[in-house]
Amino acid sequence: MCIQCSGIHRSLGVHVSKVRSLTLDLWELENIKIMESIGNKKSKEIYEGNIEPKYKNNRSDLPREEMLRL
């Protein structure tokens, strides 16, 4: 996720979206193990599973913030 999108996600509040940086945040060992066991492909399927296909892959016709709030 790019820095602009992560900033927008953070502004939504942790009750909506929780962003963790690999370099700026501290990770609990349990969370590291979960992410390692799931992997990127499965994580994307989980986190993007309820997004309508028309909203996937950064629609360039919408401002980022509007797209992320859909």
PDB file of N, CA and C in Angstrom:
ATOM      1  N   MET A   1       0.853  -1.160   0.000  1.00  0.00           N
ATOM      2  CA  MET A   1       0.000   0.000   0.000  1.00  0.00           C
ATOM      3  C   MET A   1       0.908   1.234   0.000  1.00  0.00           C
ATOM      4  N   CYS A   2       0.557   2.205  -0.812  1.00  0.00           N
ATOM      5  CA  CYS A   2       1.380   3.414  -0.883  1.00  0.00           C
ATOM      6  C   CYS A   2       1.136   4.303   0.341  1.00  0.00           C
ATOM      7  N   ILE A   3       2.011   5.259   0.538  1.00  0.00           N
ATOM      8  CA  ILE A   3       1.941   6.138   1.704  1.00  0.00           C
ATOM      9  C   ILE A   3       0.665   6.980   1.698  1.00  0.00           C
ATOM     10  N   GLN A   4       0.212   7.402   0.507  1.00  0.00           N
ATOM     11  CA  GLN A   4      -1.019   8.195   0.435  1.00  0.00           C
ATOM     12  C   GLN A   4      -2.224   7.367   0.874  1.00  0.00           C
ATOM     13  N   CYS A   5      -2.326   6.145   0.366  1.00  0.00           N
ATOM     14  CA  CYS A   5      -3.462   5.285   0.726  1.00  0.00           C
ATOM     15  C   CYS A   5      -3.412   4.892   2.202  1.00  0.00           C
ATOM     16  N   SER A   6      -2.218   4.636   2.720  1.00  0.00           N
ATOM     17  CA  SER A   6      -2.132   4.273   4.138  1.00  0.00           C
ATOM     18  C   SER A   6      -2.564   5.442   5.019  1.00  0.00           C
ATOM     19  N   GLY A   7      -2.240   6.662   4.609  1.00  0.00           N
ATOM     20  CA  GLY A   7      -2.678   7.838   5.361  1.00  0.00           C
ATOM     21  C   GLY A   7      -4.190   7.973   5.368  1.00  0.00           C
ATOM     22  N   ILE A   8      -4.807   7.707   4.227  1.00  0.00           N
ATOM     23  CA  ILE A   8      -6.266   7.766   4.147  1.00  0.00           C
ATOM     24  C   ILE A   8      -6.878   6.679   5.022  1.00  0.00           C
ATOM     25  N   HIS A   9      -6.332   5.472   4.948  1.00  0.00           N
ATOM     26  CA  HIS A   9      -6.835   4.379   5.783  1.00  0.00           C
ATOM     27  C   HIS A   9      -6.710   4.733   7.262  1.00  0.00           C
ATOM     28  N   ARG A  10      -5.577   5.289   7.654  1.00  0.00           N
ATOM     29  CA  ARG A  10      -5.387   5.667   9.058  1.00  0.00           C
ATOM     30  C   ARG A  10      -6.407   6.721   9.484  1.00  0.00           C
ATOM     31  N   SER A  11      -6.748   7.633   8.576  1.00  0.00           N
ATOM     32  CA  SER A  11      -7.696   8.697   8.919  1.00  0.00           C
ATOM     33  C   SER A  11      -9.120   8.175   9.110  1.00  0.00           C
ATOM     34  N   LEU A  12      -9.407   6.984   8.610  1.00  0.00           N
ATOM     35  CA  LEU A  12     -10.740   6.402   8.773  1.00  0.00           C
ATOM     36  C   LEU A  12     -10.992   5.943  10.203  1.00  0.00           C
ATOM     37  N   GLY A  13      -9.922   5.739  10.955  1.00  0.00           N
ATOM     38  CA  GLY A  13     -10.038   5.280  12.337  1.00  0.00           C
ATOM     39  C   GLY A  13      -9.845   3.776  12.435  1.00  0.00           C
ATOM     40  N   VAL A  14      -9.340   3.325  13.571  1.00  0.00           N
ATOM     41  CA  VAL A  14      -9.037   1.897  13.739  1.00  0.00           C
ATOM     42  C   VAL A  14     -10.286   1.032  13.813  1.00  0.00           C
ATOM     43  N   HIS A  15     -11.442   1.639  14.029  1.00  0.00           N
ATOM     44  CA  HIS A  15     -12.677   0.858  14.011  1.00  0.00           C
ATOM     45  C   HIS A  15     -13.074   0.485  12.585  1.00  0.00           C
ATOM     46  N   VAL A  16     -12.458   1.141  11.587  1.00  0.00           N
ATOM     47  CA  VAL A  16     -12.744   0.860  10.179  1.00  0.00           C
ATOM     48  C   VAL A  16     -11.565   0.171   9.510  1.00  0.00           C
ATOM     49  N   SER A  17     -10.369   0.696   9.727  1.00  0.00           N
ATOM     50  CA  SER A  17      -9.186   0.196   9.036  1.00  0.00           C
ATOM     51  C   SER A  17      -7.968   0.341   9.941  1.00  0.00           C
ATOM     52  N   LYS A  18      -7.163  -0.695   9.996  1.00  0.00           N
ATOM     53  CA  LYS A  18      -5.969  -0.656  10.837  1.00  0.00           C
ATOM     54  C   LYS A  18      -4.752  -0.925   9.961  1.00  0.00           C
ATOM     55  N   VAL A  19      -3.883   0.053   9.861  1.00  0.00           N
ATOM     56  CA  VAL A  19      -2.696  -0.032   9.015  1.00  0.00           C
ATOM     57  C   VAL A  19      -1.478  -0.262   9.900  1.00  0.00           C
ATOM     58  N   ARG A  20      -0.617  -1.155   9.478  1.00  0.00           N
ATOM     59  CA  ARG A  20       0.632  -1.407  10.188  1.00  0.00           C
ATOM     60  C   ARG A  20       1.781  -1.265   9.203  1.00  0.00           C
ATOM     61  N   SER A  21       2.736  -0.434   9.548  1.00  0.00           N
ATOM     62  CA  SER A  21       3.935  -0.256   8.743  1.00  0.00           C
ATOM     63  C   SER A  21       4.976  -1.282   9.162  1.00  0.00           C
ATOM     64  N   LEU A  22       5.703  -1.790   8.195  1.00  0.00           N
ATOM     65  CA  LEU A  22       6.774  -2.735   8.521  1.00  0.00           C
ATOM     66  C   LEU A  22       7.942  -2.050   9.211  1.00  0.00           C
ATOM     67  N   THR A  23       8.109  -0.759   8.959  1.00  0.00           N
ATOM     68  CA  THR A  23       9.263  -0.056   9.515  1.00  0.00           C
ATOM     69  C   THR A  23       8.910   0.934  10.621  1.00  0.00           C
ATOM     70  N   LEU A  24       7.688   1.439  10.657  1.00  0.00           N
ATOM     71  CA  LEU A  24       7.336   2.478  11.624  1.00  0.00           C
ATOM     72  C   LEU A  24       6.567   1.972  12.836  1.00  0.00           C
ATOM     73  N   ASP A  25       5.954   0.809  12.728  1.00  0.00           N
ATOM     74  CA  ASP A  25       5.134   0.285  13.818  1.00  0.00           C
ATOM     75  C   ASP A  25       5.792  -0.921  14.475  1.00  0.00           C
ATOM     76  N   LEU A  26       5.449  -1.135  15.730  1.00  0.00           N
ATOM     77  CA  LEU A  26       5.888  -2.339  16.431  1.00  0.00           C
ATOM     78  C   LEU A  26       4.847  -3.424  16.216  1.00  0.00           C
ATOM     79  N   TRP A  27       5.309  -4.616  15.881  1.00  0.00           N
ATOM     80  CA  TRP A  27       4.418  -5.740  15.624  1.00  0.00           C
ATOM     81  C   TRP A  27       4.519  -6.739  16.763  1.00  0.00           C
ATOM     82  N   GLU A  28       3.379  -7.188  17.240  1.00  0.00           N
ATOM     83  CA  GLU A  28       3.346  -8.261  18.225  1.00  0.00           C
ATOM     84  C   GLU A  28       3.741  -9.555  17.514  1.00  0.00           C
ATOM     85  N   LEU A  29       4.453 -10.429  18.217  1.00  0.00           N
ATOM     86  CA  LEU A  29       4.891 -11.692  17.634  1.00  0.00           C
ATOM     87  C   LEU A  29       3.707 -12.489  17.090  1.00  0.00           C
ATOM     88  N   GLU A  30       2.601 -12.469  17.797  1.00  0.00           N
ATOM     89  CA  GLU A  30       1.400 -13.197  17.353  1.00  0.00           C
ATOM     90  C   GLU A  30       0.918 -12.692  15.991  1.00  0.00           C
ATOM     91  N   ASN A  31       0.926 -11.367  15.801  1.00  0.00           N
ATOM     92  CA  ASN A  31       0.497 -10.796  14.522  1.00  0.00           C
ATOM     93  C   ASN A  31       1.466 -11.134  13.398  1.00  0.00           C
ATOM     94  N   ILE A  32       2.743 -11.165  13.705  1.00  0.00           N
ATOM     95  CA  ILE A  32       3.743 -11.547  12.704  1.00  0.00           C
ATOM     96  C   ILE A  32       3.498 -12.983  12.256  1.00  0.00           C
ATOM     97  N   LYS A  33       3.279 -13.863  13.218  1.00  0.00           N
ATOM     98  CA  LYS A  33       3.039 -15.274  12.890  1.00  0.00           C
ATOM     99  C   LYS A  33       1.776 -15.442  12.049  1.00  0.00           C
ATOM    100  N   ILE A  34       0.737 -14.689  12.380  1.00  0.00           N
ATOM    101  CA  ILE A  34      -0.509 -14.762  11.605  1.00  0.00           C
ATOM    102  C   ILE A  34      -0.261 -14.324  10.167  1.00  0.00           C
ATOM    103  N   MET A  35       0.403 -13.193  10.000  1.00  0.00           N
ATOM    104  CA  MET A  35       0.656 -12.684   8.648  1.00  0.00           C
ATOM    105  C   MET A  35       1.554 -13.636   7.858  1.00  0.00           C
ATOM    106  N   GLU A  36       2.554 -14.209   8.515  1.00  0.00           N
ATOM    107  CA  GLU A  36       3.424 -15.170   7.833  1.00  0.00           C
ATOM    108  C   GLU A  36       2.654 -16.415   7.409  1.00  0.00           C
ATOM    109  N   SER A  37       1.756 -16.873   8.263  1.00  0.00           N
ATOM    110  CA  SER A  37       1.024 -18.101   7.941  1.00  0.00           C
ATOM    111  C   SER A  37      -0.011 -17.877   6.845  1.00  0.00           C
ATOM    112  N   ILE A  38      -0.586 -16.684   6.792  1.00  0.00           N
ATOM    113  CA  ILE A  38      -1.605 -16.387   5.780  1.00  0.00           C
ATOM    114  C   ILE A  38      -0.958 -16.064   4.439  1.00  0.00           C
ATOM    115  N   GLY A  39       0.050 -15.226   4.443  1.00  0.00           N
ATOM    116  CA  GLY A  39       0.716 -14.830   3.203  1.00  0.00           C
ATOM    117  C   GLY A  39      -0.018 -13.705   2.487  1.00  0.00           C
ATOM    118  N   ASN A  40       0.644 -13.116   1.501  1.00  0.00           N
ATOM    119  CA  ASN A  40       0.099 -11.964   0.784  1.00  0.00           C
ATOM    120  C   ASN A  40      -1.141 -12.296  -0.036  1.00  0.00           C
ATOM    121  N   LYS A  41      -1.095 -13.389  -0.777  1.00  0.00           N
ATOM    122  CA  LYS A  41      -2.209 -13.721  -1.668  1.00  0.00           C
ATOM    123  C   LYS A  41      -3.497 -13.942  -0.876  1.00  0.00           C
ATOM    124  N   LYS A  42      -3.420 -14.751   0.159  1.00  0.00           N
ATOM    125  CA  LYS A  42      -4.605 -15.040   0.972  1.00  0.00           C
ATOM    126  C   LYS A  42      -5.071 -13.787   1.713  1.00  0.00           C
ATOM    127  N   SER A  43      -4.130 -12.979   2.205  1.00  0.00           N
ATOM    128  CA  SER A  43      -4.497 -11.734   2.889  1.00  0.00           C
ATOM    129  C   SER A  43      -5.297 -10.827   1.968  1.00  0.00           C
ATOM    130  N   LYS A  44      -4.838 -10.704   0.737  1.00  0.00           N
ATOM    131  CA  LYS A  44      -5.547  -9.858  -0.229  1.00  0.00           C
ATOM    132  C   LYS A  44      -6.954 -10.394  -0.476  1.00  0.00           C
ATOM    133  N   GLU A  45      -7.087 -11.711  -0.589  1.00  0.00           N
ATOM    134  CA  GLU A  45      -8.413 -12.311  -0.780  1.00  0.00           C
ATOM    135  C   GLU A  45      -9.330 -12.003   0.405  1.00  0.00           C
ATOM    136  N   ILE A  46      -8.776 -12.045   1.602  1.00  0.00           N
ATOM    137  CA  ILE A  46      -9.565 -11.775   2.812  1.00  0.00           C
ATOM    138  C   ILE A  46      -9.948 -10.306   2.886  1.00  0.00           C
ATOM    139  N   TYR A  47      -8.950  -9.430   2.788  1.00  0.00           N
ATOM    140  CA  TYR A  47      -9.196  -8.003   2.996  1.00  0.00           C
ATOM    141  C   TYR A  47      -9.944  -7.340   1.851  1.00  0.00           C
ATOM    142  N   GLU A  48      -9.822  -7.887   0.651  1.00  0.00           N
ATOM    143  CA  GLU A  48     -10.531  -7.318  -0.492  1.00  0.00           C
ATOM    144  C   GLU A  48     -11.717  -8.179  -0.907  1.00  0.00           C
ATOM    145  N   GLY A  49     -12.050  -9.160  -0.108  1.00  0.00           N
ATOM    146  CA  GLY A  49     -13.094 -10.117  -0.458  1.00  0.00           C
ATOM    147  C   GLY A  49     -14.477  -9.540  -0.651  1.00  0.00           C
ATOM    148  N   ASN A  50     -14.787  -8.460   0.033  1.00  0.00           N
ATOM    149  CA  ASN A  50     -16.128  -7.882  -0.063  1.00  0.00           C
ATOM    150  C   ASN A  50     -16.194  -6.640  -0.944  1.00  0.00           C
ATOM    151  N   ILE A  51     -15.109  -6.345  -1.625  1.00  0.00           N
ATOM    152  CA  ILE A  51     -15.090  -5.174  -2.504  1.00  0.00           C
ATOM    153  C   ILE A  51     -15.662  -5.569  -3.860  1.00  0.00           C
ATOM    154  N   GLU A  52     -16.601  -4.776  -4.337  1.00  0.00           N
ATOM    155  CA  GLU A  52     -17.161  -5.051  -5.658  1.00  0.00           C
ATOM    156  C   GLU A  52     -16.056  -4.925  -6.704  1.00  0.00           C
ATOM    157  N   PRO A  53     -16.043  -5.815  -7.692  1.00  0.00           N
ATOM    158  CA  PRO A  53     -14.981  -5.791  -8.713  1.00  0.00           C
ATOM    159  C   PRO A  53     -14.790  -4.432  -9.372  1.00  0.00           C
ATOM    160  N   LYS A  54     -15.868  -3.677  -9.545  1.00  0.00           N
ATOM    161  CA  LYS A  54     -15.732  -2.382 -10.214  1.00  0.00           C
ATOM    162  C   LYS A  54     -14.923  -1.381  -9.393  1.00  0.00           C
ATOM    163  N   TYR A  55     -14.715  -1.657  -8.087  1.00  0.00           N
ATOM    164  CA  TYR A  55     -13.949  -0.753  -7.239  1.00  0.00           C
ATOM    165  C   TYR A  55     -12.518  -1.222  -7.001  1.00  0.00           C
ATOM    166  N   LYS A  56     -12.161  -2.378  -7.507  1.00  0.00           N
ATOM    167  CA  LYS A  56     -10.814  -2.904  -7.285  1.00  0.00           C
ATOM    168  C   LYS A  56      -9.804  -2.267  -8.231  1.00  0.00           C
ATOM    169  N   ASN A  57      -8.540  -2.395  -7.865  1.00  0.00           N
ATOM    170  CA  ASN A  57      -7.407  -1.978  -8.698  1.00  0.00           C
ATOM    171  C   ASN A  57      -7.337  -0.483  -8.956  1.00  0.00           C
ATOM    172  N   ASN A  58      -7.530   0.307  -7.910  1.00  0.00           N
ATOM    173  CA  ASN A  58      -7.300   1.750  -7.943  1.00  0.00           C
ATOM    174  C   ASN A  58      -7.912   2.441  -9.155  1.00  0.00           C
ATOM    175  N   ARG A  59      -9.187   2.616  -9.121  1.00  0.00           N
ATOM    176  CA  ARG A  59      -9.877   3.307 -10.210  1.00  0.00           C
ATOM    177  C   ARG A  59      -9.335   4.719 -10.337  1.00  0.00           C
ATOM    178  N   SER A  60      -8.700   5.001 -11.435  1.00  0.00           N
ATOM    179  CA  SER A  60      -8.058   6.303 -11.613  1.00  0.00           C
ATOM    180  C   SER A  60      -9.063   7.426 -11.851  1.00  0.00           C
ATOM    181  N   ASP A  61     -10.330   7.092 -12.117  1.00  0.00           N
ATOM    182  CA  ASP A  61     -11.317   8.142 -12.346  1.00  0.00           C
ATOM    183  C   ASP A  61     -11.896   8.687 -11.042  1.00  0.00           C
ATOM    184  N   LEU A  62     -11.531   8.088  -9.917  1.00  0.00           N
ATOM    185  CA  LEU A  62     -11.983   8.569  -8.614  1.00  0.00           C
ATOM    186  C   LEU A  62     -10.790   9.042  -7.798  1.00  0.00           C
ATOM    187  N   PRO A  63     -10.968  10.111  -7.028  1.00  0.00           N
ATOM    188  CA  PRO A  63      -9.892  10.477  -6.101  1.00  0.00           C
ATOM    189  C   PRO A  63      -9.659   9.325  -5.121  1.00  0.00           C
ATOM    190  N   ARG A  64      -8.424   9.128  -4.698  1.00  0.00           N
ATOM    191  CA  ARG A  64      -8.092   8.006  -3.812  1.00  0.00           C
ATOM    192  C   ARG A  64      -8.976   7.951  -2.580  1.00  0.00           C
ATOM    193  N   GLU A  65      -9.151   9.081  -1.940  1.00  0.00           N
ATOM    194  CA  GLU A  65      -9.920   9.068  -0.695  1.00  0.00           C
ATOM    195  C   GLU A  65     -11.357   8.623  -0.945  1.00  0.00           C
ATOM    196  N   GLU A  66     -11.948   9.086  -2.026  1.00  0.00           N
ATOM    197  CA  GLU A  66     -13.322   8.681  -2.344  1.00  0.00           C
ATOM    198  C   GLU A  66     -13.384   7.187  -2.622  1.00  0.00           C
ATOM    199  N   MET A  67     -12.410   6.671  -3.368  1.00  0.00           N
ATOM    200  CA  MET A  67     -12.386   5.251  -3.685  1.00  0.00           C
ATOM    201  C   MET A  67     -12.263   4.411  -2.414  1.00  0.00           C
ATOM    202  N   LEU A  68     -11.405   4.823  -1.485  1.00  0.00           N
ATOM    203  CA  LEU A  68     -11.186   4.050  -0.270  1.00  0.00           C
ATOM    204  C   LEU A  68     -12.363   4.119   0.686  1.00  0.00           C
ATOM    205  N   ARG A  69     -13.177   5.138   0.569  1.00  0.00           N
ATOM    206  CA  ARG A  69     -14.344   5.267   1.447  1.00  0.00           C
ATOM    207  C   ARG A  69     -15.559   4.523   0.912  1.00  0.00           C
ATOM    208  N   LEU A  70     -15.469   3.960  -0.304  1.00  0.00           N
ATOM    209  CA  LEU A  70     -16.605   3.235  -0.882  1.00  0.00           C
ATOM    210  C   LEU A  70     -16.902   1.974  -0.108  1.00  0.00           C
TER     211      LEU A  70
END
